[in-house]
């Protein structure tokens, strides 16, 4: 997927974050990025580098990100143990 969008998985990142919005108050933000900021936390899984900004990290501690190709559609699923409430589509949450 990164290659299709013009990114190089060996040196670029998947940026995961949280922003205001969505029907539950906060929504997940997932995109490719080629720059790392000073306060970013860096993780690596299956040779993919994942970066999270410091503010979003507080909301995402313990969250797992999985890719689903099931009957309900394909895409990424956030399993956030910190979320008190999520919307039906799973794209937003509240604490």
PDB file of N, CA and C in Angstrom:
ATOM      1  N   UNK A   1       0.823  -1.199   0.000  1.00  0.00           N
ATOM      2  CA  UNK A   1       0.000   0.000   0.000  1.00  0.00           C
ATOM      3  C   UNK A   1       0.865   1.260   0.000  1.00  0.00           C
ATOM      4  N   UNK A   2       1.955   1.242   0.772  1.00  0.00           N
ATOM      5  CA  UNK A   2       2.827   2.411   0.816  1.00  0.00           C
ATOM      6  C   UNK A   2       3.429   2.675  -0.564  1.00  0.00           C
ATOM      7  N   UNK A   3       3.881   1.626  -1.196  1.00  0.00           N
ATOM      8  CA  UNK A   3       4.496   1.765  -2.524  1.00  0.00           C
ATOM      9  C   UNK A   3       3.508   2.362  -3.514  1.00  0.00           C
ATOM     10  N   UNK A   4       2.248   1.929  -3.451  1.00  0.00           N
ATOM     11  CA  UNK A   4       1.217   2.440  -4.360  1.00  0.00           C
ATOM     12  C   UNK A   4       0.994   3.947  -4.185  1.00  0.00           C
ATOM     13  N   UNK A   5       1.259   4.456  -2.966  1.00  0.00           N
ATOM     14  CA  UNK A   5       1.076   5.884  -2.681  1.00  0.00           C
ATOM     15  C   UNK A   5       2.381   6.681  -2.795  1.00  0.00           C
ATOM     16  N   UNK A   6       3.440   6.053  -3.321  1.00  0.00           N
ATOM     17  CA  UNK A   6       4.692   6.757  -3.535  1.00  0.00           C
ATOM     18  C   UNK A   6       5.626   6.794  -2.340  1.00  0.00           C
ATOM     19  N   UNK A   7       5.409   5.923  -1.368  1.00  0.00           N
ATOM     20  CA  UNK A   7       6.260   5.860  -0.188  1.00  0.00           C
ATOM     21  C   UNK A   7       7.102   4.595  -0.218  1.00  0.00           C
ATOM     22  N   UNK A   8       8.213   4.626   0.490  1.00  0.00           N
ATOM     23  CA  UNK A   8       9.138   3.498   0.570  1.00  0.00           C
ATOM     24  C   UNK A   8       9.057   2.910   1.975  1.00  0.00           C
ATOM     25  N   UNK A   9       8.536   1.708   2.097  1.00  0.00           N
ATOM     26  CA  UNK A   9       8.331   1.082   3.409  1.00  0.00           C
ATOM     27  C   UNK A   9       9.634   0.857   4.160  1.00  0.00           C
ATOM     28  N   UNK A  10      10.770   0.842   3.479  1.00  0.00           N
ATOM     29  CA  UNK A  10      12.038   0.625   4.165  1.00  0.00           C
ATOM     30  C   UNK A  10      12.531   1.877   4.889  1.00  0.00           C
ATOM     31  N   UNK A  11      12.009   3.066   4.525  1.00  0.00           N
ATOM     32  CA  UNK A  11      12.459   4.287   5.193  1.00  0.00           C
ATOM     33  C   UNK A  11      11.338   5.231   5.621  1.00  0.00           C
ATOM     34  N   UNK A  12      10.130   5.067   5.088  1.00  0.00           N
ATOM     35  CA  UNK A  12       9.008   5.930   5.447  1.00  0.00           C
ATOM     36  C   UNK A  12       8.179   5.296   6.562  1.00  0.00           C
ATOM     37  N   UNK A  13       7.163   6.016   7.014  1.00  0.00           N
ATOM     38  CA  UNK A  13       6.411   5.628   8.206  1.00  0.00           C
ATOM     39  C   UNK A  13       4.912   5.524   7.939  1.00  0.00           C
ATOM     40  N   UNK A  14       4.241   4.813   8.837  1.00  0.00           N
ATOM     41  CA  UNK A  14       2.790   4.889   8.964  1.00  0.00           C
ATOM     42  C   UNK A  14       2.549   5.779  10.174  1.00  0.00           C
ATOM     43  N   UNK A  15       1.878   6.901   9.975  1.00  0.00           N
ATOM     44  CA  UNK A  15       1.591   7.815  11.084  1.00  0.00           C
ATOM     45  C   UNK A  15       0.184   7.522  11.609  1.00  0.00           C
ATOM     46  N   UNK A  16       0.115   7.252  12.906  1.00  0.00           N
ATOM     47  CA  UNK A  16      -1.156   6.985  13.574  1.00  0.00           C
ATOM     48  C   UNK A  16      -1.386   8.105  14.577  1.00  0.00           C
ATOM     49  N   UNK A  17      -2.587   8.669  14.573  1.00  0.00           N
ATOM     50  CA  UNK A  17      -2.874   9.762  15.492  1.00  0.00           C
ATOM     51  C   UNK A  17      -4.335   9.834  15.859  1.00  0.00           C
ATOM     52  N   UNK A  18      -4.642  10.820  16.678  1.00  0.00           N
ATOM     53  CA  UNK A  18      -6.005  11.073  17.133  1.00  0.00           C
ATOM     54  C   UNK A  18      -6.301  12.539  16.865  1.00  0.00           C
ATOM     55  N   UNK A  19      -7.502  12.814  16.384  1.00  0.00           N
ATOM     56  CA  UNK A  19      -7.918  14.196  16.155  1.00  0.00           C
ATOM     57  C   UNK A  19      -9.352  14.379  16.621  1.00  0.00           C
ATOM     58  N   UNK A  20      -9.758  15.611  16.849  1.00  0.00           N
ATOM     59  CA  UNK A  20     -11.131  15.900  17.255  1.00  0.00           C
ATOM     60  C   UNK A  20     -12.062  15.630  16.088  1.00  0.00           C
ATOM     61  N   UNK A  21     -13.211  15.047  16.401  1.00  0.00           N
ATOM     62  CA  UNK A  21     -14.207  14.801  15.370  1.00  0.00           C
ATOM     63  C   UNK A  21     -14.815  13.427  15.488  1.00  0.00           C
ATOM     64  N   UNK A  22     -15.698  13.127  14.599  1.00  0.00           N
ATOM     65  CA  UNK A  22     -16.397  11.843  14.629  1.00  0.00           C
ATOM     66  C   UNK A  22     -17.600  11.902  15.546  1.00  0.00           C
ATOM     67  N   UNK A  23     -18.449  10.914  15.452  1.00  0.00           N
ATOM     68  CA  UNK A  23     -19.688  10.934  16.224  1.00  0.00           C
ATOM     69  C   UNK A  23     -19.477  10.662  17.711  1.00  0.00           C
ATOM     70  N   UNK A  24     -18.286  10.189  18.110  1.00  0.00           N
ATOM     71  CA  UNK A  24     -18.019   9.942  19.527  1.00  0.00           C
ATOM     72  C   UNK A  24     -17.065  10.969  20.132  1.00  0.00           C
ATOM     73  N   UNK A  25     -16.601  11.942  19.366  1.00  0.00           N
ATOM     74  CA  UNK A  25     -15.779  13.013  19.900  1.00  0.00           C
ATOM     75  C   UNK A  25     -14.339  13.022  19.425  1.00  0.00           C
ATOM     76  N   UNK A  26     -13.717  11.852  19.300  1.00  0.00           N
ATOM     77  CA  UNK A  26     -12.343  11.738  18.815  1.00  0.00           C
ATOM     78  C   UNK A  26     -12.318  10.733  17.687  1.00  0.00           C
ATOM     79  N   UNK A  27     -11.468  10.962  16.702  1.00  0.00           N
ATOM     80  CA  UNK A  27     -11.376   9.998  15.611  1.00  0.00           C
ATOM     81  C   UNK A  27      -9.915   9.649  15.354  1.00  0.00           C
ATOM     82  N   UNK A  28      -9.710   8.490  14.795  1.00  0.00           N
ATOM     83  CA  UNK A  28      -8.373   8.010  14.475  1.00  0.00           C
ATOM     84  C   UNK A  28      -7.919   8.609  13.154  1.00  0.00           C
ATOM     85  N   UNK A  29      -6.625   8.848  13.062  1.00  0.00           N
ATOM     86  CA  UNK A  29      -6.040   9.377  11.833  1.00  0.00           C
ATOM     87  C   UNK A  29      -4.899   8.445  11.440  1.00  0.00           C
ATOM     88  N   UNK A  30      -4.925   7.954  10.235  1.00  0.00           N
ATOM     89  CA  UNK A  30      -3.939   6.992   9.756  1.00  0.00           C
ATOM     90  C   UNK A  30      -3.504   7.424   8.362  1.00  0.00           C
ATOM     91  N   UNK A  31      -2.186   7.657   8.199  1.00  0.00           N
ATOM     92  CA  UNK A  31      -1.679   8.072   6.896  1.00  0.00           C
ATOM     93  C   UNK A  31      -0.208   7.709   6.787  1.00  0.00           C
ATOM     94  N   UNK A  32       0.323   7.789   5.591  1.00  0.00           N
ATOM     95  CA  UNK A  32       1.740   7.559   5.365  1.00  0.00           C
ATOM     96  C   UNK A  32       2.475   8.890   5.505  1.00  0.00           C
ATOM     97  N   UNK A  33       3.721   8.827   5.977  1.00  0.00           N
ATOM     98  CA  UNK A  33       4.502  10.038   6.199  1.00  0.00           C
ATOM     99  C   UNK A  33       5.974   9.722   5.961  1.00  0.00           C
ATOM    100  N   UNK A  34       6.715  10.737   5.547  1.00  0.00           N
ATOM    101  CA  UNK A  34       8.150  10.533   5.326  1.00  0.00           C
ATOM    102  C   UNK A  34       9.005  11.419   6.221  1.00  0.00           C
ATOM    103  N   UNK A  35       8.379  12.060   7.209  1.00  0.00           N
ATOM    104  CA  UNK A  35       9.151  12.883   8.137  1.00  0.00           C
ATOM    105  C   UNK A  35       8.784  12.545   9.578  1.00  0.00           C
ATOM    106  N   UNK A  36       9.800  12.506  10.403  1.00  0.00           N
ATOM    107  CA  UNK A  36       9.631  12.219  11.818  1.00  0.00           C
ATOM    108  C   UNK A  36       9.872  13.499  12.603  1.00  0.00           C
ATOM    109  N   UNK A  37       8.963  13.832  13.504  1.00  0.00           N
ATOM    110  CA  UNK A  37       9.101  15.015  14.333  1.00  0.00           C
ATOM    111  C   UNK A  37       9.812  14.666  15.639  1.00  0.00           C
ATOM    112  N   UNK A  38      10.320  15.670  16.320  1.00  0.00           N
ATOM    113  CA  UNK A  38      11.126  15.458  17.524  1.00  0.00           C
ATOM    114  C   UNK A  38      10.377  14.699  18.616  1.00  0.00           C
ATOM    115  N   UNK A  39       9.093  14.982  18.808  1.00  0.00           N
ATOM    116  CA  UNK A  39       8.321  14.347  19.886  1.00  0.00           C
ATOM    117  C   UNK A  39       7.614  13.055  19.474  1.00  0.00           C
ATOM    118  N   UNK A  40       7.842  12.576  18.260  1.00  0.00           N
ATOM    119  CA  UNK A  40       7.199  11.345  17.804  1.00  0.00           C
ATOM    120  C   UNK A  40       7.773  10.128  18.519  1.00  0.00           C
ATOM    121  N   UNK A  41       6.903   9.194  18.825  1.00  0.00           N
ATOM    122  CA  UNK A  41       7.335   7.896  19.326  1.00  0.00           C
ATOM    123  C   UNK A  41       7.359   6.955  18.129  1.00  0.00           C
ATOM    124  N   UNK A  42       8.396   6.128  18.040  1.00  0.00           N
ATOM    125  CA  UNK A  42       8.575   5.250  16.890  1.00  0.00           C
ATOM    126  C   UNK A  42       8.466   3.801  17.348  1.00  0.00           C
ATOM    127  N   UNK A  43       7.687   3.026  16.611  1.00  0.00           N
ATOM    128  CA  UNK A  43       7.519   1.597  16.864  1.00  0.00           C
ATOM    129  C   UNK A  43       7.790   0.876  15.547  1.00  0.00           C
ATOM    130  N   UNK A  44       8.098  -0.390  15.634  1.00  0.00           N
ATOM    131  CA  UNK A  44       8.289  -1.172  14.416  1.00  0.00           C
ATOM    132  C   UNK A  44       7.648  -2.538  14.617  1.00  0.00           C
ATOM    133  N   UNK A  45       6.895  -2.964  13.614  1.00  0.00           N
ATOM    134  CA  UNK A  45       6.245  -4.271  13.645  1.00  0.00           C
ATOM    135  C   UNK A  45       6.229  -4.817  12.225  1.00  0.00           C
ATOM    136  N   UNK A  46       6.713  -6.035  12.062  1.00  0.00           N
ATOM    137  CA  UNK A  46       6.771  -6.665  10.745  1.00  0.00           C
ATOM    138  C   UNK A  46       7.472  -5.783   9.718  1.00  0.00           C
ATOM    139  N   UNK A  47       8.574  -5.166  10.127  1.00  0.00           N
ATOM    140  CA  UNK A  47       9.390  -4.299   9.275  1.00  0.00           C
ATOM    141  C   UNK A  47       8.669  -3.034   8.812  1.00  0.00           C
ATOM    142  N   UNK A  48       7.598  -2.652   9.478  1.00  0.00           N
ATOM    143  CA  UNK A  48       6.886  -1.410   9.179  1.00  0.00           C
ATOM    144  C   UNK A  48       7.104  -0.458  10.351  1.00  0.00           C
ATOM    145  N   UNK A  49       7.580   0.741  10.047  1.00  0.00           N
ATOM    146  CA  UNK A  49       7.803   1.757  11.076  1.00  0.00           C
ATOM    147  C   UNK A  49       6.516   2.550  11.287  1.00  0.00           C
ATOM    148  N   UNK A  50       6.122   2.654  12.552  1.00  0.00           N
ATOM    149  CA  UNK A  50       4.898   3.357  12.927  1.00  0.00           C
ATOM    150  C   UNK A  50       5.298   4.513  13.827  1.00  0.00           C
ATOM    151  N   UNK A  51       4.792   5.712  13.536  1.00  0.00           N
ATOM    152  CA  UNK A  51       5.082   6.854  14.391  1.00  0.00           C
ATOM    153  C   UNK A  51       3.779   7.430  14.940  1.00  0.00           C
ATOM    154  N   UNK A  52       3.864   7.888  16.181  1.00  0.00           N
ATOM    155  CA  UNK A  52       2.713   8.461  16.880  1.00  0.00           C
ATOM    156  C   UNK A  52       3.189   9.733  17.564  1.00  0.00           C
ATOM    157  N   UNK A  53       2.462  10.840  17.372  1.00  0.00           N
ATOM    158  CA  UNK A  53       2.847  12.069  18.062  1.00  0.00           C
ATOM    159  C   UNK A  53       2.555  11.924  19.555  1.00  0.00           C
ATOM    160  N   UNK A  54       3.240  12.730  20.356  1.00  0.00           N
ATOM    161  CA  UNK A  54       3.199  12.611  21.818  1.00  0.00           C
ATOM    162  C   UNK A  54       1.772  12.739  22.367  1.00  0.00           C
ATOM    163  N   UNK A  55       0.989  13.687  21.858  1.00  0.00           N
ATOM    164  CA  UNK A  55      -0.376  13.891  22.351  1.00  0.00           C
ATOM    165  C   UNK A  55      -1.266  12.688  22.031  1.00  0.00           C
ATOM    166  N   UNK A  56      -1.190  12.196  20.804  1.00  0.00           N
ATOM    167  CA  UNK A  56      -2.009  11.043  20.414  1.00  0.00           C
ATOM    168  C   UNK A  56      -1.615   9.790  21.181  1.00  0.00           C
ATOM    169  N   UNK A  57      -0.332   9.665  21.502  1.00  0.00           N
ATOM    170  CA  UNK A  57       0.158   8.495  22.213  1.00  0.00           C
ATOM    171  C   UNK A  57      -0.600   8.286  23.523  1.00  0.00           C
ATOM    172  N   UNK A  58      -0.935   9.374  24.209  1.00  0.00           N
ATOM    173  CA  UNK A  58      -1.670   9.272  25.479  1.00  0.00           C
ATOM    174  C   UNK A  58      -3.034   8.599  25.299  1.00  0.00           C
ATOM    175  N   UNK A  59      -3.664   8.820  24.151  1.00  0.00           N
ATOM    176  CA  UNK A  59      -4.970   8.214  23.865  1.00  0.00           C
ATOM    177  C   UNK A  59      -4.845   6.790  23.320  1.00  0.00           C
ATOM    178  N   UNK A  60      -3.682   6.458  22.795  1.00  0.00           N
ATOM    179  CA  UNK A  60      -3.520   5.193  22.071  1.00  0.00           C
ATOM    180  C   UNK A  60      -2.721   4.121  22.817  1.00  0.00           C
ATOM    181  N   UNK A  61      -2.280   4.401  24.043  1.00  0.00           N
ATOM    182  CA  UNK A  61      -1.490   3.422  24.791  1.00  0.00           C
ATOM    183  C   UNK A  61      -2.259   2.103  24.873  1.00  0.00           C
ATOM    184  N   UNK A  62      -1.633   1.023  24.457  1.00  0.00           N
ATOM    185  CA  UNK A  62      -2.247  -0.302  24.510  1.00  0.00           C
ATOM    186  C   UNK A  62      -3.114  -0.651  23.315  1.00  0.00           C
ATOM    187  N   UNK A  63      -3.271   0.265  22.376  1.00  0.00           N
ATOM    188  CA  UNK A  63      -4.120   0.040  21.204  1.00  0.00           C
ATOM    189  C   UNK A  63      -3.423  -0.896  20.216  1.00  0.00           C
ATOM    190  N   UNK A  64      -4.189  -1.809  19.659  1.00  0.00           N
ATOM    191  CA  UNK A  64      -3.671  -2.640  18.575  1.00  0.00           C
ATOM    192  C   UNK A  64      -4.382  -2.225  17.291  1.00  0.00           C
ATOM    193  N   UNK A  65      -3.631  -2.273  16.218  1.00  0.00           N
ATOM    194  CA  UNK A  65      -4.149  -1.925  14.900  1.00  0.00           C
ATOM    195  C   UNK A  65      -4.080  -3.172  14.041  1.00  0.00           C
ATOM    196  N   UNK A  66      -5.221  -3.589  13.540  1.00  0.00           N
ATOM    197  CA  UNK A  66      -5.296  -4.812  12.746  1.00  0.00           C
ATOM    198  C   UNK A  66      -5.943  -4.508  11.408  1.00  0.00           C
ATOM    199  N   UNK A  67      -5.565  -5.277  10.404  1.00  0.00           N
ATOM    200  CA  UNK A  67      -6.187  -5.157   9.094  1.00  0.00           C
ATOM    201  C   UNK A  67      -7.238  -6.233   8.973  1.00  0.00           C
ATOM    202  N   UNK A  68      -8.443  -5.845   8.602  1.00  0.00           N
ATOM    203  CA  UNK A  68      -9.547  -6.787   8.475  1.00  0.00           C
ATOM    204  C   UNK A  68      -9.987  -6.880   7.024  1.00  0.00           C
ATOM    205  N   UNK A  69     -10.167  -8.086   6.554  1.00  0.00           N
ATOM    206  CA  UNK A  69     -10.652  -8.294   5.198  1.00  0.00           C
ATOM    207  C   UNK A  69     -11.937  -9.105   5.222  1.00  0.00           C
ATOM    208  N   UNK A  70     -12.736  -8.910   6.249  1.00  0.00           N
ATOM    209  CA  UNK A  70     -13.930  -9.725   6.469  1.00  0.00           C
ATOM    210  C   UNK A  70     -15.146  -9.270   5.691  1.00  0.00           C
ATOM    211  N   UNK A  71     -16.269  -9.856   6.034  1.00  0.00           N
ATOM    212  CA  UNK A  71     -17.535  -9.590   5.352  1.00  0.00           C
ATOM    213  C   UNK A  71     -18.032  -8.169   5.565  1.00  0.00           C
ATOM    214  N   UNK A  72     -17.630  -7.539   6.655  1.00  0.00           N
ATOM    215  CA  UNK A  72     -18.063  -6.167   6.935  1.00  0.00           C
ATOM    216  C   UNK A  72     -17.238  -5.135   6.184  1.00  0.00           C
ATOM    217  N   UNK A  73     -16.352  -5.576   5.329  1.00  0.00           N
ATOM    218  CA  UNK A  73     -15.523  -4.669   4.552  1.00  0.00           C
ATOM    219  C   UNK A  73     -14.063  -4.805   4.933  1.00  0.00           C
ATOM    220  N   UNK A  74     -13.224  -4.256   4.094  1.00  0.00           N
ATOM    221  CA  UNK A  74     -11.797  -4.322   4.356  1.00  0.00           C
ATOM    222  C   UNK A  74     -11.313  -2.986   4.899  1.00  0.00           C
ATOM    223  N   UNK A  75     -10.300  -3.040   5.738  1.00  0.00           N
ATOM    224  CA  UNK A  75      -9.723  -1.825   6.293  1.00  0.00           C
ATOM    225  C   UNK A  75      -9.068  -2.103   7.621  1.00  0.00           C
ATOM    226  N   UNK A  76      -8.576  -1.043   8.227  1.00  0.00           N
ATOM    227  CA  UNK A  76      -7.897  -1.156   9.508  1.00  0.00           C
ATOM    228  C   UNK A  76      -8.886  -1.016  10.647  1.00  0.00           C
ATOM    229  N   UNK A  77      -8.644  -1.787  11.703  1.00  0.00           N
ATOM    230  CA  UNK A  77      -9.501  -1.782  12.882  1.00  0.00           C
ATOM    231  C   UNK A  77      -8.639  -1.415  14.082  1.00  0.00           C
ATOM    232  N   UNK A  78      -9.063  -0.405  14.834  1.00  0.00           N
ATOM    233  CA  UNK A  78      -8.381   0.004  16.052  1.00  0.00           C
ATOM    234  C   UNK A  78      -9.048  -0.681  17.237  1.00  0.00           C
ATOM    235  N   UNK A  79      -8.275  -1.403  18.026  1.00  0.00           N
ATOM    236  CA  UNK A  79      -8.765  -2.015  19.262  1.00  0.00           C
ATOM    237  C   UNK A  79      -8.130  -1.248  20.414  1.00  0.00           C
ATOM    238  N   UNK A  80      -8.864  -0.253  20.926  1.00  0.00           N
ATOM    239  CA  UNK A  80      -8.344   0.674  21.923  1.00  0.00           C
ATOM    240  C   UNK A  80      -8.940   0.354  23.291  1.00  0.00           C
ATOM    241  N   UNK A  81      -8.128  -0.163  24.228  1.00  0.00           N
ATOM    242  CA  UNK A  81      -8.644  -0.499  25.555  1.00  0.00           C
ATOM    243  C   UNK A  81      -8.995   0.734  26.381  1.00  0.00           C
ATOM    244  N   UNK A  82      -8.580   1.922  25.957  1.00  0.00           N
ATOM    245  CA  UNK A  82      -8.861   3.159  26.693  1.00  0.00           C
ATOM    246  C   UNK A  82     -10.211   3.760  26.338  1.00  0.00           C
ATOM    247  N   UNK A  83     -10.807   3.321  25.251  1.00  0.00           N
ATOM    248  CA  UNK A  83     -12.063   3.907  24.779  1.00  0.00           C
ATOM    249  C   UNK A  83     -13.228   3.437  25.645  1.00  0.00           C
ATOM    250  N   UNK A  84     -13.985   4.401  26.181  1.00  0.00           N
ATOM    251  CA  UNK A  84     -15.194   4.079  26.944  1.00  0.00           C
ATOM    252  C   UNK A  84     -16.380   3.832  26.029  1.00  0.00           C
ATOM    253  N   UNK A  85     -16.360   4.501  24.875  1.00  0.00           N
ATOM    254  CA  UNK A  85     -17.465   4.387  23.930  1.00  0.00           C
ATOM    255  C   UNK A  85     -16.900   4.511  22.526  1.00  0.00           C
ATOM    256  N   UNK A  86     -17.406   3.713  21.616  1.00  0.00           N
ATOM    257  CA  UNK A  86     -17.031   3.812  20.211  1.00  0.00           C
ATOM    258  C   UNK A  86     -18.283   3.919  19.371  1.00  0.00           C
ATOM    259  N   UNK A  87     -18.136   4.454  18.181  1.00  0.00           N
ATOM    260  CA  UNK A  87     -19.285   4.539  17.285  1.00  0.00           C
ATOM    261  C   UNK A  87     -19.462   3.195  16.579  1.00  0.00           C
ATOM    262  N   UNK A  88     -20.541   3.040  15.888  1.00  0.00           N
ATOM    263  CA  UNK A  88     -20.841   1.784  15.206  1.00  0.00           C
ATOM    264  C   UNK A  88     -19.836   1.392  14.142  1.00  0.00           C
ATOM    265  N   UNK A  89     -19.251   2.371  13.479  1.00  0.00           N
ATOM    266  CA  UNK A  89     -18.287   2.064  12.420  1.00  0.00           C
ATOM    267  C   UNK A  89     -16.873   1.857  12.971  1.00  0.00           C
ATOM    268  N   UNK A  90     -16.633   2.191  14.240  1.00  0.00           N
ATOM    269  CA  UNK A  90     -15.327   1.988  14.865  1.00  0.00           C
ATOM    270  C   UNK A  90     -14.289   3.033  14.509  1.00  0.00           C
ATOM    271  N   UNK A  91     -14.687   4.108  13.861  1.00  0.00           N
ATOM    272  CA  UNK A  91     -13.730   5.140  13.450  1.00  0.00           C
ATOM    273  C   UNK A  91     -13.594   6.274  14.457  1.00  0.00           C
ATOM    274  N   UNK A  92     -14.468   6.326  15.450  1.00  0.00           N
ATOM    275  CA  UNK A  92     -14.337   7.369  16.474  1.00  0.00           C
ATOM    276  C   UNK A  92     -14.599   6.761  17.845  1.00  0.00           C
ATOM    277  N   UNK A  93     -14.171   7.506  18.874  1.00  0.00           N
ATOM    278  CA  UNK A  93     -14.271   6.989  20.240  1.00  0.00           C
ATOM    279  C   UNK A  93     -14.277   8.142  21.224  1.00  0.00           C
ATOM    280  N   UNK A  94     -14.578   7.840  22.479  1.00  0.00           N
ATOM    281  CA  UNK A  94     -14.457   8.814  23.555  1.00  0.00           C
ATOM    282  C   UNK A  94     -13.816   8.117  24.744  1.00  0.00           C
ATOM    283  N   UNK A  95     -13.252   8.910  25.634  1.00  0.00           N
ATOM    284  CA  UNK A  95     -12.582   8.364  26.821  1.00  0.00           C
ATOM    285  C   UNK A  95     -13.417   8.604  28.057  1.00  0.00           C
TER     286      UNK A  95
END
